[in-house]
Amino acid sequence: MRGNREVVLEGGPTELTDRHPLPTPPQEEIKIPRRNGYEHYSFSGSYEDPSGDVIPVFRWSYRTRSAE
């Protein structure tokens, strides 16, 4: 992997971009704040390789709401 700092997002809300910063430290699941909750994505076990960069693919899993 060439110092890539992004992940590819699949599924979930259409208004989220298809790329997201790589979490530090790298994780099997990431959560993205959106509106009054979080969108959860899990590592799919696959990678994309556009133009020589290996980018991990995360698939949407579920949504949680923030506690008030």
C-alpha atoms as a PDB file:
ATOM      1  CA  MET A   1       0.000   0.000   0.000  1.00  0.00           C
ATOM      2  CA  ARG A   2       1.419   3.359  -0.994  1.00  0.00           C
ATOM      3  CA  GLY A   3       0.797   5.754   1.922  1.00  0.00           C
ATOM      4  CA  ASN A   4      -2.866   5.971   1.009  1.00  0.00           C
ATOM      5  CA  ARG A   5      -4.915   8.009   3.480  1.00  0.00           C
ATOM      6  CA  GLU A   6      -8.450   7.263   2.244  1.00  0.00           C
ATOM      7  CA  VAL A   7     -11.055   4.519   2.277  1.00  0.00           C
ATOM      8  CA  VAL A   8     -13.837   3.858  -0.231  1.00  0.00           C
ATOM      9  CA  LEU A   9     -17.394   3.870   1.151  1.00  0.00           C
ATOM     10  CA  GLU A  10     -20.069   1.648  -0.397  1.00  0.00           C
ATOM     11  CA  GLY A  11     -23.767   1.894   0.384  1.00  0.00           C
ATOM     12  CA  GLY A  12     -25.385   4.083   2.979  1.00  0.00           C
ATOM     13  CA  PRO A  13     -26.697   7.616   2.476  1.00  0.00           C
ATOM     14  CA  THR A  14     -26.232   9.015  -1.020  1.00  0.00           C
ATOM     15  CA  GLU A  15     -25.121  12.430   0.263  1.00  0.00           C
ATOM     16  CA  LEU A  16     -21.929  10.972   1.763  1.00  0.00           C
ATOM     17  CA  THR A  17     -19.001  11.013  -0.626  1.00  0.00           C
ATOM     18  CA  ASP A  18     -17.582   7.730  -1.858  1.00  0.00           C
ATOM     19  CA  ARG A  19     -14.198   8.527  -0.259  1.00  0.00           C
ATOM     20  CA  HIS A  20     -13.438   9.191   3.396  1.00  0.00           C
ATOM     21  CA  PRO A  21     -10.219   9.824   5.345  1.00  0.00           C
ATOM     22  CA  LEU A  22      -8.550   6.680   6.683  1.00  0.00           C
ATOM     23  CA  PRO A  23      -9.141   6.441  10.448  1.00  0.00           C
ATOM     24  CA  THR A  24      -6.069   6.625  12.661  1.00  0.00           C
ATOM     25  CA  PRO A  25      -5.253   4.054  13.819  1.00  0.00           C
ATOM     26  CA  PRO A  26      -6.759   1.903  11.029  1.00  0.00           C
ATOM     27  CA  GLN A  27      -9.870   0.036  12.178  1.00  0.00           C
ATOM     28  CA  GLU A  28     -12.211  -2.724  10.997  1.00  0.00           C
ATOM     29  CA  GLU A  29     -15.226  -0.456  11.549  1.00  0.00           C
ATOM     30  CA  ILE A  30     -15.589   3.289  11.159  1.00  0.00           C
ATOM     31  CA  LYS A  31     -18.437   5.599  12.132  1.00  0.00           C
ATOM     32  CA  ILE A  32     -19.171   8.864  10.393  1.00  0.00           C
ATOM     33  CA  PRO A  33     -21.161  11.614  12.140  1.00  0.00           C
ATOM     34  CA  ARG A  34     -24.247  12.559  10.129  1.00  0.00           C
ATOM     35  CA  ARG A  35     -27.188  14.672  11.228  1.00  0.00           C
ATOM     36  CA  ASN A  36     -28.199  13.469  14.718  1.00  0.00           C
ATOM     37  CA  GLY A  37     -26.373  10.147  14.623  1.00  0.00           C
ATOM     38  CA  TYR A  38     -23.672   8.037  13.020  1.00  0.00           C
ATOM     39  CA  GLU A  39     -23.373   5.952   9.873  1.00  0.00           C
ATOM     40  CA  HIS A  40     -21.387   2.759  10.560  1.00  0.00           C
ATOM     41  CA  TYR A  41     -19.221   1.083   7.923  1.00  0.00           C
ATOM     42  CA  SER A  42     -17.310  -2.212   8.189  1.00  0.00           C
ATOM     43  CA  PHE A  43     -14.226  -3.290   6.277  1.00  0.00           C
ATOM     44  CA  SER A  44     -15.360  -5.521   3.412  1.00  0.00           C
ATOM     45  CA  GLY A  45     -12.112  -7.442   3.114  1.00  0.00           C
ATOM     46  CA  SER A  46     -11.524  -6.046  -0.374  1.00  0.00           C
ATOM     47  CA  TYR A  47      -9.464  -3.259  -1.874  1.00  0.00           C
ATOM     48  CA  GLU A  48      -9.688  -1.028  -4.938  1.00  0.00           C
ATOM     49  CA  ASP A  49      -6.564  -0.377  -6.959  1.00  0.00           C
ATOM     50  CA  PRO A  50      -7.156   2.758  -9.067  1.00  0.00           C
ATOM     51  CA  SER A  51      -3.954   4.086 -10.590  1.00  0.00           C
ATOM     52  CA  GLY A  52      -1.724   1.937  -8.390  1.00  0.00           C
ATOM     53  CA  ASP A  53      -3.162   2.975  -5.007  1.00  0.00           C
ATOM     54  CA  VAL A  54      -4.574   0.186  -2.862  1.00  0.00           C
ATOM     55  CA  ILE A  55      -7.624   1.599  -1.066  1.00  0.00           C
ATOM     56  CA  PRO A  56      -9.623  -0.415   1.509  1.00  0.00           C
ATOM     57  CA  VAL A  57     -13.368  -0.715   0.811  1.00  0.00           C
ATOM     58  CA  PHE A  58     -15.838  -0.221   3.683  1.00  0.00           C
ATOM     59  CA  ARG A  59     -19.515  -1.175   3.329  1.00  0.00           C
ATOM     60  CA  TRP A  60     -22.396   0.496   5.142  1.00  0.00           C
ATOM     61  CA  SER A  61     -23.619  -1.608   8.070  1.00  0.00           C
ATOM     62  CA  TYR A  62     -26.146   0.381  10.081  1.00  0.00           C
ATOM     63  CA  ARG A  63     -27.098   3.756  11.549  1.00  0.00           C
ATOM     64  CA  THR A  64     -27.289   4.829  15.199  1.00  0.00           C
ATOM     65  CA  ARG A  65     -28.808   7.956  16.731  1.00  0.00           C
ATOM     66  CA  SER A  66     -27.042  10.166  19.245  1.00  0.00           C
ATOM     67  CA  ALA A  67     -28.416  10.070  22.769  1.00  0.00           C
ATOM     68  CA  GLU A  68     -29.947  13.320  23.931  1.00  0.00           C
END
